[in-house]
């Protein structure tokens, strides 16, 4: 979506235009009156939302399409889509000058967590399957897996459907949001800090796009926790788009605006964290059919 469209949506959300449209405003006059904006602003915004496919014309005026559902309900994160999180990111980018001065990101209020989960739930299924396949090929004899910070749990579900005993570790807020969605899946949910890990040992400890959320020191803690959770001769694997693979300035800007220390890291740096955590045979490889690569290391059995 063009940046101008995103900024218009941000203004529509800030002024209450979106709230009016998803409640009981059907005409331009309704929007102007309920949101307290000018008739011109209401007309241009309604026309733009029609062009974006977020509204459709009906006999009474206009009404939201399915693309607008993410602004209506937050109960099922799979129905939210990418757009609300994109707007949250725009908010953070607008505040970026202050963040650059202070080093503190804006407080995450409202529906930030659920919107972010909605964006992650919209990830292409083929990419999820490819990442899981890459992990399975690295350890074809594995039987159980700990999936760390997987948000709505697509990777954990994919592992479970392939016959793995799958456990998903994420924060309490995330677990609360996704628990109802995964109740029919063979995935055990554990609420906790990914940097602290969990009790127990697993053949595979899997991370997808997790390192980018943390600074170097916390990534060392993340890999240390992964080492503790990896069974002898098991492995940990991290799947991501690395800085020296397919660098993305937009992602780097988003991480600067939305995380305290996160960044796009080079593959070699992630490999060093694996080695520092005690993993052996550290190696990298492609995730076929995607722009992602992986770094993995094996925990050797002690004599």
C-alpha atoms as a PDB file:
ATOM      1  CA  UNK A   1       0.000   0.000   0.000  1.00  0.00           C
ATOM      2  CA  UNK A   2       1.282   3.467  -0.912  1.00  0.00           C
ATOM      3  CA  UNK A   3       2.559   5.549   2.002  1.00  0.00           C
ATOM      4  CA  UNK A   4      -0.003   8.259   1.232  1.00  0.00           C
ATOM      5  CA  UNK A   5      -2.821   5.743   1.559  1.00  0.00           C
ATOM      6  CA  UNK A   6      -1.425   4.550   4.875  1.00  0.00           C
ATOM      7  CA  UNK A   7      -1.181   8.110   6.168  1.00  0.00           C
ATOM      8  CA  UNK A   8      -4.756   8.787   5.064  1.00  0.00           C
ATOM      9  CA  UNK A   9      -5.869   5.660   6.913  1.00  0.00           C
ATOM     10  CA  UNK A  10      -3.935   6.827   9.964  1.00  0.00           C
ATOM     11  CA  UNK A  11      -5.763  10.167   9.841  1.00  0.00           C
ATOM     12  CA  UNK A  12      -9.085   8.354   9.388  1.00  0.00           C
ATOM     13  CA  UNK A  13      -8.370   6.220  12.426  1.00  0.00           C
ATOM     14  CA  UNK A  14      -7.193   9.184  14.517  1.00  0.00           C
ATOM     15  CA  UNK A  15     -10.217  11.339  13.687  1.00  0.00           C
ATOM     16  CA  UNK A  16     -12.765   8.598  14.264  1.00  0.00           C
ATOM     17  CA  UNK A  17     -13.735   8.256  10.600  1.00  0.00           C
ATOM     18  CA  UNK A  18     -12.979   4.523  10.626  1.00  0.00           C
ATOM     19  CA  UNK A  19     -14.936   4.026  13.831  1.00  0.00           C
ATOM     20  CA  UNK A  20     -17.904   5.796  12.290  1.00  0.00           C
ATOM     21  CA  UNK A  21     -17.759   3.669   9.143  1.00  0.00           C
ATOM     22  CA  UNK A  22     -17.594   0.367  10.987  1.00  0.00           C
ATOM     23  CA  UNK A  23     -20.447   1.312  13.319  1.00  0.00           C
ATOM     24  CA  UNK A  24     -23.432   3.123  11.799  1.00  0.00           C
ATOM     25  CA  UNK A  25     -22.239   5.716   9.271  1.00  0.00           C
ATOM     26  CA  UNK A  26     -23.374   4.931   5.730  1.00  0.00           C
ATOM     27  CA  UNK A  27     -23.060   8.250   3.928  1.00  0.00           C
ATOM     28  CA  UNK A  28     -20.552  11.055   3.615  1.00  0.00           C
ATOM     29  CA  UNK A  29     -22.836  13.281   5.688  1.00  0.00           C
ATOM     30  CA  UNK A  30     -23.005  10.603   8.413  1.00  0.00           C
ATOM     31  CA  UNK A  31     -19.214  10.377   8.518  1.00  0.00           C
ATOM     32  CA  UNK A  32     -18.718  14.122   8.660  1.00  0.00           C
ATOM     33  CA  UNK A  33     -21.252  14.505  11.455  1.00  0.00           C
ATOM     34  CA  UNK A  34     -20.160  11.548  13.629  1.00  0.00           C
ATOM     35  CA  UNK A  35     -16.405  12.052  13.251  1.00  0.00           C
ATOM     36  CA  UNK A  36     -16.479  15.840  13.393  1.00  0.00           C
ATOM     37  CA  UNK A  37     -14.567  16.312  10.119  1.00  0.00           C
ATOM     38  CA  UNK A  38     -15.353  18.511   7.136  1.00  0.00           C
ATOM     39  CA  UNK A  39     -17.646  17.285   4.368  1.00  0.00           C
ATOM     40  CA  UNK A  40     -14.688  17.458   1.949  1.00  0.00           C
ATOM     41  CA  UNK A  41     -12.519  15.316   4.222  1.00  0.00           C
ATOM     42  CA  UNK A  42     -15.305  12.775   4.630  1.00  0.00           C
ATOM     43  CA  UNK A  43     -16.001  12.614   0.896  1.00  0.00           C
ATOM     44  CA  UNK A  44     -12.355  12.220  -0.140  1.00  0.00           C
ATOM     45  CA  UNK A  45     -11.730   9.600   2.542  1.00  0.00           C
ATOM     46  CA  UNK A  46     -14.826   7.573   1.664  1.00  0.00           C
ATOM     47  CA  UNK A  47     -13.890   7.669  -2.033  1.00  0.00           C
ATOM     48  CA  UNK A  48     -10.341   6.549  -1.205  1.00  0.00           C
ATOM     49  CA  UNK A  49     -11.570   3.691   0.969  1.00  0.00           C
ATOM     50  CA  UNK A  50     -13.849   2.586  -1.878  1.00  0.00           C
ATOM     51  CA  UNK A  51     -10.854   2.622  -4.233  1.00  0.00           C
ATOM     52  CA  UNK A  52      -8.798   0.597  -1.724  1.00  0.00           C
ATOM     53  CA  UNK A  53     -11.493  -2.051  -1.478  1.00  0.00           C
ATOM     54  CA  UNK A  54     -12.152  -1.317   2.188  1.00  0.00           C
ATOM     55  CA  UNK A  55     -15.681  -0.037   1.497  1.00  0.00           C
ATOM     56  CA  UNK A  56     -18.316  -1.066  -1.005  1.00  0.00           C
ATOM     57  CA  UNK A  57     -21.352   0.782  -2.278  1.00  0.00           C
ATOM     58  CA  UNK A  58     -24.762  -0.440  -1.107  1.00  0.00           C
ATOM     59  CA  UNK A  59     -28.257   0.982  -1.445  1.00  0.00           C
ATOM     60  CA  UNK A  60     -27.988   2.905   1.812  1.00  0.00           C
ATOM     61  CA  UNK A  61     -24.581   4.364   0.948  1.00  0.00           C
ATOM     62  CA  UNK A  62     -21.387   2.458   1.805  1.00  0.00           C
ATOM     63  CA  UNK A  63     -20.450  -0.353   4.168  1.00  0.00           C
ATOM     64  CA  UNK A  64     -17.206  -2.117   5.165  1.00  0.00           C
ATOM     65  CA  UNK A  65     -15.879  -5.021   3.116  1.00  0.00           C
ATOM     66  CA  UNK A  66     -14.150  -8.091   4.554  1.00  0.00           C
ATOM     67  CA  UNK A  67     -10.824  -6.243   4.215  1.00  0.00           C
ATOM     68  CA  UNK A  68     -12.063  -3.855   6.900  1.00  0.00           C
ATOM     69  CA  UNK A  69     -12.763  -6.686   9.371  1.00  0.00           C
ATOM     70  CA  UNK A  70      -9.494  -6.129  11.201  1.00  0.00           C
ATOM     71  CA  UNK A  71     -10.821  -2.778  12.404  1.00  0.00           C
ATOM     72  CA  UNK A  72     -14.104  -4.313  13.524  1.00  0.00           C
ATOM     73  CA  UNK A  73     -13.172  -7.377  15.567  1.00  0.00           C
ATOM     74  CA  UNK A  74     -10.018  -8.496  17.334  1.00  0.00           C
ATOM     75  CA  UNK A  75     -11.296 -11.774  18.781  1.00  0.00           C
ATOM     76  CA  UNK A  76      -9.845 -14.039  16.092  1.00  0.00           C
ATOM     77  CA  UNK A  77      -6.424 -12.708  15.123  1.00  0.00           C
ATOM     78  CA  UNK A  78      -6.634 -14.631  11.846  1.00  0.00           C
ATOM     79  CA  UNK A  79      -9.356 -12.205  10.725  1.00  0.00           C
ATOM     80  CA  UNK A  80      -7.365  -9.043  11.453  1.00  0.00           C
ATOM     81  CA  UNK A  81      -4.999  -9.103   8.494  1.00  0.00           C
ATOM     82  CA  UNK A  82      -1.919  -6.970   7.935  1.00  0.00           C
ATOM     83  CA  UNK A  83      -3.437  -3.511   7.663  1.00  0.00           C
ATOM     84  CA  UNK A  84      -4.056  -2.600  11.339  1.00  0.00           C
ATOM     85  CA  UNK A  85      -0.459  -3.521  12.211  1.00  0.00           C
ATOM     86  CA  UNK A  86       0.786  -1.515   9.245  1.00  0.00           C
ATOM     87  CA  UNK A  87      -1.033   1.492  10.707  1.00  0.00           C
ATOM     88  CA  UNK A  88       0.487   0.827  14.142  1.00  0.00           C
ATOM     89  CA  UNK A  89       3.892   0.785  12.446  1.00  0.00           C
ATOM     90  CA  UNK A  90       3.128   4.091  10.733  1.00  0.00           C
ATOM     91  CA  UNK A  91       2.330   5.545  14.160  1.00  0.00           C
ATOM     92  CA  UNK A  92       5.701   4.370  15.431  1.00  0.00           C
ATOM     93  CA  UNK A  93       7.501   5.758  12.381  1.00  0.00           C
ATOM     94  CA  UNK A  94       5.823   9.139  12.820  1.00  0.00           C
ATOM     95  CA  UNK A  95       7.230   9.146  16.362  1.00  0.00           C
ATOM     96  CA  UNK A  96      10.668   7.986  15.161  1.00  0.00           C
ATOM     97  CA  UNK A  97      12.451  11.342  15.600  1.00  0.00           C
ATOM     98  CA  UNK A  98      11.667  11.274  19.317  1.00  0.00           C
ATOM     99  CA  UNK A  99      12.612   7.603  19.528  1.00  0.00           C
ATOM    100  CA  UNK A 100      15.947   8.396  17.873  1.00  0.00           C
ATOM    101  CA  UNK A 101      16.622  11.076  20.484  1.00  0.00           C
ATOM    102  CA  UNK A 102      15.590   9.085  23.539  1.00  0.00           C
ATOM    103  CA  UNK A 103      16.084   5.457  22.542  1.00  0.00           C
ATOM    104  CA  UNK A 104      12.618   4.662  23.889  1.00  0.00           C
ATOM    105  CA  UNK A 105       9.907   3.365  21.598  1.00  0.00           C
ATOM    106  CA  UNK A 106       6.329   4.648  22.034  1.00  0.00           C
ATOM    107  CA  UNK A 107       4.233   2.823  24.584  1.00  0.00           C
ATOM    108  CA  UNK A 108       2.366  -0.070  23.025  1.00  0.00           C
ATOM    109  CA  UNK A 109      -1.257   0.617  23.806  1.00  0.00           C
ATOM    110  CA  UNK A 110      -4.616  -0.575  22.581  1.00  0.00           C
ATOM    111  CA  UNK A 111      -4.606  -3.482  20.150  1.00  0.00           C
ATOM    112  CA  UNK A 112      -0.881  -3.502  19.328  1.00  0.00           C
ATOM    113  CA  UNK A 113      -0.329  -7.159  20.293  1.00  0.00           C
ATOM    114  CA  UNK A 114      -3.419  -8.506  18.544  1.00  0.00           C
ATOM    115  CA  UNK A 115      -2.765  -6.381  15.442  1.00  0.00           C
ATOM    116  CA  UNK A 116       0.790  -7.718  15.272  1.00  0.00           C
ATOM    117  CA  UNK A 117      -0.484 -11.266  15.644  1.00  0.00           C
ATOM    118  CA  UNK A 118      -2.958 -10.578  12.849  1.00  0.00           C
ATOM    119  CA  UNK A 119      -0.158  -9.480  10.548  1.00  0.00           C
ATOM    120  CA  UNK A 120       1.866 -12.581  11.375  1.00  0.00           C
ATOM    121  CA  UNK A 121      -1.145 -14.828  10.863  1.00  0.00           C
ATOM    122  CA  UNK A 122      -1.377 -13.452   7.314  1.00  0.00           C
ATOM    123  CA  UNK A 123       2.046 -14.883   6.416  1.00  0.00           C
ATOM    124  CA  UNK A 124       2.021 -17.004   3.292  1.00  0.00           C
ATOM    125  CA  UNK A 125       1.348 -20.675   4.119  1.00  0.00           C
ATOM    126  CA  UNK A 126       3.986 -21.799   1.636  1.00  0.00           C
ATOM    127  CA  UNK A 127       6.683 -19.868   3.502  1.00  0.00           C
ATOM    128  CA  UNK A 128       5.631 -21.477   6.779  1.00  0.00           C
ATOM    129  CA  UNK A 129       5.746 -24.953   5.251  1.00  0.00           C
ATOM    130  CA  UNK A 130       9.132 -24.273   3.664  1.00  0.00           C
ATOM    131  CA  UNK A 131      10.655 -23.126   6.967  1.00  0.00           C
ATOM    132  CA  UNK A 132       9.371 -26.205   8.781  1.00  0.00           C
ATOM    133  CA  UNK A 133      10.612 -28.454   5.976  1.00  0.00           C
ATOM    134  CA  UNK A 134      14.086 -26.923   6.275  1.00  0.00           C
ATOM    135  CA  UNK A 135      14.142 -27.758   9.988  1.00  0.00           C
ATOM    136  CA  UNK A 136      12.893 -31.304   9.421  1.00  0.00           C
ATOM    137  CA  UNK A 137      15.578 -31.946   6.826  1.00  0.00           C
ATOM    138  CA  UNK A 138      18.247 -30.860   9.288  1.00  0.00           C
ATOM    139  CA  UNK A 139      16.998 -33.383  11.862  1.00  0.00           C
ATOM    140  CA  UNK A 140      14.873 -36.031  10.107  1.00  0.00           C
ATOM    141  CA  UNK A 141      14.764 -38.251  13.199  1.00  0.00           C
ATOM    142  CA  UNK A 142      13.322 -35.576  15.505  1.00  0.00           C
ATOM    143  CA  UNK A 143      10.111 -36.320  17.366  1.00  0.00           C
ATOM    144  CA  UNK A 144       9.428 -33.182  19.401  1.00  0.00           C
ATOM    145  CA  UNK A 145       9.932 -29.466  18.894  1.00  0.00           C
ATOM    146  CA  UNK A 146       9.870 -26.273  20.928  1.00  0.00           C
ATOM    147  CA  UNK A 147       8.730 -23.354  18.782  1.00  0.00           C
ATOM    148  CA  UNK A 148       9.795 -20.053  20.329  1.00  0.00           C
ATOM    149  CA  UNK A 149       7.873 -16.770  19.957  1.00  0.00           C
ATOM    150  CA  UNK A 150       5.746 -18.046  17.077  1.00  0.00           C
ATOM    151  CA  UNK A 151       2.919 -15.561  17.588  1.00  0.00           C
ATOM    152  CA  UNK A 152      -0.296 -17.103  16.225  1.00  0.00           C
ATOM    153  CA  UNK A 153       1.501 -20.441  15.995  1.00  0.00           C
ATOM    154  CA  UNK A 154       1.540 -21.280  12.275  1.00  0.00           C
ATOM    155  CA  UNK A 155       4.909 -23.031  12.483  1.00  0.00           C
ATOM    156  CA  UNK A 156       3.941 -24.923  15.638  1.00  0.00           C
ATOM    157  CA  UNK A 157       0.727 -26.091  13.989  1.00  0.00           C
ATOM    158  CA  UNK A 158       2.623 -27.176  10.876  1.00  0.00           C
ATOM    159  CA  UNK A 159       5.037 -29.223  12.993  1.00  0.00           C
ATOM    160  CA  UNK A 160       2.117 -30.804  14.861  1.00  0.00           C
ATOM    161  CA  UNK A 161       0.330 -31.730  11.650  1.00  0.00           C
ATOM    162  CA  UNK A 162       3.492 -33.524  10.534  1.00  0.00           C
ATOM    163  CA  UNK A 163       3.381 -35.687  13.631  1.00  0.00           C
ATOM    164  CA  UNK A 164       5.704 -33.795  15.965  1.00  0.00           C
ATOM    165  CA  UNK A 165       4.966 -33.245  19.635  1.00  0.00           C
ATOM    166  CA  UNK A 166       4.880 -29.459  19.390  1.00  0.00           C
ATOM    167  CA  UNK A 167       5.210 -26.920  22.205  1.00  0.00           C
ATOM    168  CA  UNK A 168       4.827 -23.190  21.666  1.00  0.00           C
ATOM    169  CA  UNK A 169       6.551 -20.772  24.044  1.00  0.00           C
ATOM    170  CA  UNK A 170       5.479 -17.138  24.022  1.00  0.00           C
ATOM    171  CA  UNK A 171       4.533 -14.333  26.366  1.00  0.00           C
ATOM    172  CA  UNK A 172       1.396 -14.483  28.495  1.00  0.00           C
ATOM    173  CA  UNK A 173      -0.344 -11.840  26.366  1.00  0.00           C
ATOM    174  CA  UNK A 174       0.270 -13.834  23.197  1.00  0.00           C
ATOM    175  CA  UNK A 175      -0.758 -17.135  24.759  1.00  0.00           C
ATOM    176  CA  UNK A 176      -4.001 -15.563  25.999  1.00  0.00           C
ATOM    177  CA  UNK A 177      -4.747 -14.291  22.484  1.00  0.00           C
ATOM    178  CA  UNK A 178      -4.031 -17.515  20.589  1.00  0.00           C
ATOM    179  CA  UNK A 179      -5.189 -20.145  23.086  1.00  0.00           C
ATOM    180  CA  UNK A 180      -8.771 -20.251  21.751  1.00  0.00           C
ATOM    181  CA  UNK A 181      -7.482 -20.582  18.184  1.00  0.00           C
ATOM    182  CA  UNK A 182      -5.212 -23.526  18.922  1.00  0.00           C
ATOM    183  CA  UNK A 183      -7.478 -25.515  21.231  1.00  0.00           C
ATOM    184  CA  UNK A 184      -8.153 -28.063  18.487  1.00  0.00           C
ATOM    185  CA  UNK A 185      -4.521 -28.308  17.419  1.00  0.00           C
ATOM    186  CA  UNK A 186      -1.999 -30.678  18.974  1.00  0.00           C
ATOM    187  CA  UNK A 187       0.131 -27.819  20.284  1.00  0.00           C
ATOM    188  CA  UNK A 188       1.003 -27.344  23.947  1.00  0.00           C
ATOM    189  CA  UNK A 189       1.082 -23.673  24.937  1.00  0.00           C
ATOM    190  CA  UNK A 190       3.568 -22.417  27.516  1.00  0.00           C
ATOM    191  CA  UNK A 191       3.487 -18.809  28.731  1.00  0.00           C
ATOM    192  CA  UNK A 192       6.898 -17.430  29.590  1.00  0.00           C
ATOM    193  CA  UNK A 193       9.835 -15.293  28.590  1.00  0.00           C
ATOM    194  CA  UNK A 194      11.567 -16.579  25.424  1.00  0.00           C
ATOM    195  CA  UNK A 195      14.848 -15.319  26.916  1.00  0.00           C
ATOM    196  CA  UNK A 196      14.382 -17.582  29.929  1.00  0.00           C
ATOM    197  CA  UNK A 197      13.303 -20.697  28.036  1.00  0.00           C
ATOM    198  CA  UNK A 198      11.342 -23.628  29.444  1.00  0.00           C
ATOM    199  CA  UNK A 199      11.901 -26.747  31.473  1.00  0.00           C
ATOM    200  CA  UNK A 200      12.451 -29.914  29.479  1.00  0.00           C
ATOM    201  CA  UNK A 201      14.480 -30.894  26.438  1.00  0.00           C
ATOM    202  CA  UNK A 202      13.455 -31.057  22.786  1.00  0.00           C
ATOM    203  CA  UNK A 203      14.923 -32.557  19.642  1.00  0.00           C
ATOM    204  CA  UNK A 204      14.447 -29.244  17.819  1.00  0.00           C
ATOM    205  CA  UNK A 205      14.242 -25.685  19.134  1.00  0.00           C
ATOM    206  CA  UNK A 206      12.832 -23.551  16.339  1.00  0.00           C
ATOM    207  CA  UNK A 207      12.855 -19.765  15.879  1.00  0.00           C
ATOM    208  CA  UNK A 208      11.431 -17.831  12.917  1.00  0.00           C
ATOM    209  CA  UNK A 209      12.210 -14.108  12.733  1.00  0.00           C
ATOM    210  CA  UNK A 210      12.934 -13.923  16.445  1.00  0.00           C
ATOM    211  CA  UNK A 211      16.515 -12.602  16.603  1.00  0.00           C
ATOM    212  CA  UNK A 212      15.511  -9.360  14.897  1.00  0.00           C
ATOM    213  CA  UNK A 213      13.332  -8.450  17.886  1.00  0.00           C
ATOM    214  CA  UNK A 214      16.305  -8.326  20.285  1.00  0.00           C
ATOM    215  CA  UNK A 215      19.705  -6.714  20.700  1.00  0.00           C
ATOM    216  CA  UNK A 216      22.935  -8.735  20.644  1.00  0.00           C
ATOM    217  CA  UNK A 217      23.067  -9.344  24.403  1.00  0.00           C
ATOM    218  CA  UNK A 218      19.485 -10.609  24.522  1.00  0.00           C
ATOM    219  CA  UNK A 219      20.123 -12.775  21.478  1.00  0.00           C
ATOM    220  CA  UNK A 220      22.913 -14.455  23.401  1.00  0.00           C
ATOM    221  CA  UNK A 221      20.405 -15.075  26.207  1.00  0.00           C
ATOM    222  CA  UNK A 222      17.916 -16.408  23.653  1.00  0.00           C
ATOM    223  CA  UNK A 223      20.459 -18.900  22.297  1.00  0.00           C
ATOM    224  CA  UNK A 224      21.596 -19.841  25.794  1.00  0.00           C
ATOM    225  CA  UNK A 225      17.989 -20.670  26.673  1.00  0.00           C
ATOM    226  CA  UNK A 226      17.716 -22.622  23.428  1.00  0.00           C
ATOM    227  CA  UNK A 227      20.849 -24.603  24.320  1.00  0.00           C
ATOM    228  CA  UNK A 228      19.358 -25.511  27.703  1.00  0.00           C
ATOM    229  CA  UNK A 229      16.174 -26.689  25.979  1.00  0.00           C
ATOM    230  CA  UNK A 230      17.896 -28.730  23.269  1.00  0.00           C
ATOM    231  CA  UNK A 231      18.318 -32.445  23.847  1.00  0.00           C
ATOM    232  CA  UNK A 232      21.653 -34.161  23.285  1.00  0.00           C
ATOM    233  CA  UNK A 233      22.268 -34.475  19.527  1.00  0.00           C
ATOM    234  CA  UNK A 234      19.282 -32.178  18.972  1.00  0.00           C
ATOM    235  CA  UNK A 235      19.517 -28.852  17.232  1.00  0.00           C
ATOM    236  CA  UNK A 236      18.349 -25.265  17.342  1.00  0.00           C
ATOM    237  CA  UNK A 237      17.502 -23.447  14.129  1.00  0.00           C
ATOM    238  CA  UNK A 238      16.789 -19.823  13.320  1.00  0.00           C
ATOM    239  CA  UNK A 239      14.998 -18.873  10.087  1.00  0.00           C
ATOM    240  CA  UNK A 240      15.063 -15.272   8.886  1.00  0.00           C
ATOM    241  CA  UNK A 241      15.970 -12.832   6.120  1.00  0.00           C
ATOM    242  CA  UNK A 242      19.483 -11.779   7.090  1.00  0.00           C
ATOM    243  CA  UNK A 243      21.197  -8.452   6.554  1.00  0.00           C
ATOM    244  CA  UNK A 244      23.780  -9.860   4.137  1.00  0.00           C
ATOM    245  CA  UNK A 245      21.232 -11.924   2.231  1.00  0.00           C
ATOM    246  CA  UNK A 246      18.281  -9.815   1.161  1.00  0.00           C
ATOM    247  CA  UNK A 247      18.733  -6.543   3.071  1.00  0.00           C
ATOM    248  CA  UNK A 248      15.550  -4.549   3.529  1.00  0.00           C
ATOM    249  CA  UNK A 249      15.842  -0.924   4.622  1.00  0.00           C
ATOM    250  CA  UNK A 250      12.101  -0.797   5.317  1.00  0.00           C
ATOM    251  CA  UNK A 251      12.371  -3.629   7.844  1.00  0.00           C
ATOM    252  CA  UNK A 252      15.389  -1.973   9.459  1.00  0.00           C
ATOM    253  CA  UNK A 253      13.426   1.275   9.835  1.00  0.00           C
ATOM    254  CA  UNK A 254      10.451  -0.582  11.306  1.00  0.00           C
ATOM    255  CA  UNK A 255      12.656  -2.332  13.873  1.00  0.00           C
ATOM    256  CA  UNK A 256      14.268   0.978  14.829  1.00  0.00           C
ATOM    257  CA  UNK A 257      10.821   2.469  15.397  1.00  0.00           C
ATOM    258  CA  UNK A 258       9.161  -0.469  17.172  1.00  0.00           C
ATOM    259  CA  UNK A 259      11.823  -2.334  19.200  1.00  0.00           C
ATOM    260  CA  UNK A 260      14.217  -1.260  21.933  1.00  0.00           C
ATOM    261  CA  UNK A 261      17.288  -2.967  20.455  1.00  0.00           C
ATOM    262  CA  UNK A 262      16.168  -5.034  17.459  1.00  0.00           C
ATOM    263  CA  UNK A 263      17.897  -5.014  14.080  1.00  0.00           C
ATOM    264  CA  UNK A 264      18.442  -6.990  10.894  1.00  0.00           C
ATOM    265  CA  UNK A 265      21.524  -9.071  11.602  1.00  0.00           C
ATOM    266  CA  UNK A 266      24.132 -10.622   9.390  1.00  0.00           C
ATOM    267  CA  UNK A 267      24.107 -14.364   9.102  1.00  0.00           C
ATOM    268  CA  UNK A 268      27.610 -14.597  10.548  1.00  0.00           C
ATOM    269  CA  UNK A 269      26.627 -12.720  13.707  1.00  0.00           C
ATOM    270  CA  UNK A 270      23.783 -15.152  14.374  1.00  0.00           C
ATOM    271  CA  UNK A 271      26.182 -18.040  13.779  1.00  0.00           C
ATOM    272  CA  UNK A 272      28.566 -16.577  16.360  1.00  0.00           C
ATOM    273  CA  UNK A 273      25.751 -16.440  18.926  1.00  0.00           C
ATOM    274  CA  UNK A 274      25.039 -20.110  18.255  1.00  0.00           C
ATOM    275  CA  UNK A 275      28.694 -20.977  18.800  1.00  0.00           C
ATOM    276  CA  UNK A 276      28.912 -18.834  21.929  1.00  0.00           C
ATOM    277  CA  UNK A 277      25.911 -20.732  23.326  1.00  0.00           C
ATOM    278  CA  UNK A 278      27.782 -24.009  22.945  1.00  0.00           C
ATOM    279  CA  UNK A 279      26.275 -25.298  19.715  1.00  0.00           C
ATOM    280  CA  UNK A 280      28.546 -27.300  17.432  1.00  0.00           C
ATOM    281  CA  UNK A 281      28.502 -27.813  13.654  1.00  0.00           C
ATOM    282  CA  UNK A 282      27.026 -24.353  13.152  1.00  0.00           C
ATOM    283  CA  UNK A 283      26.011 -23.919   9.542  1.00  0.00           C
ATOM    284  CA  UNK A 284      23.720 -21.879   7.313  1.00  0.00           C
ATOM    285  CA  UNK A 285      21.568 -22.753   4.335  1.00  0.00           C
ATOM    286  CA  UNK A 286      18.704 -21.707   2.112  1.00  0.00           C
ATOM    287  CA  UNK A 287      15.013 -22.183   2.758  1.00  0.00           C
ATOM    288  CA  UNK A 288      14.006 -23.294  -0.765  1.00  0.00           C
ATOM    289  CA  UNK A 289      11.288 -21.314  -2.471  1.00  0.00           C
ATOM    290  CA  UNK A 290      11.627 -18.306  -0.152  1.00  0.00           C
ATOM    291  CA  UNK A 291      13.929 -15.348   0.478  1.00  0.00           C
ATOM    292  CA  UNK A 292      14.747 -16.828   3.891  1.00  0.00           C
ATOM    293  CA  UNK A 293      17.851 -18.603   5.056  1.00  0.00           C
ATOM    294  CA  UNK A 294      18.577 -20.506   8.229  1.00  0.00           C
ATOM    295  CA  UNK A 295      21.336 -20.829  10.780  1.00  0.00           C
ATOM    296  CA  UNK A 296      21.479 -24.003  12.827  1.00  0.00           C
ATOM    297  CA  UNK A 297      23.682 -25.664  15.398  1.00  0.00           C
ATOM    298  CA  UNK A 298      23.691 -29.044  17.092  1.00  0.00           C
ATOM    299  CA  UNK A 299      24.040 -29.771  20.780  1.00  0.00           C
ATOM    300  CA  UNK A 300      26.539 -32.586  21.073  1.00  0.00           C
ATOM    301  CA  UNK A 301      26.089 -35.303  23.676  1.00  0.00           C
ATOM    302  CA  UNK A 302      28.666 -35.001  26.438  1.00  0.00           C
ATOM    303  CA  UNK A 303      30.989 -37.942  27.043  1.00  0.00           C
END
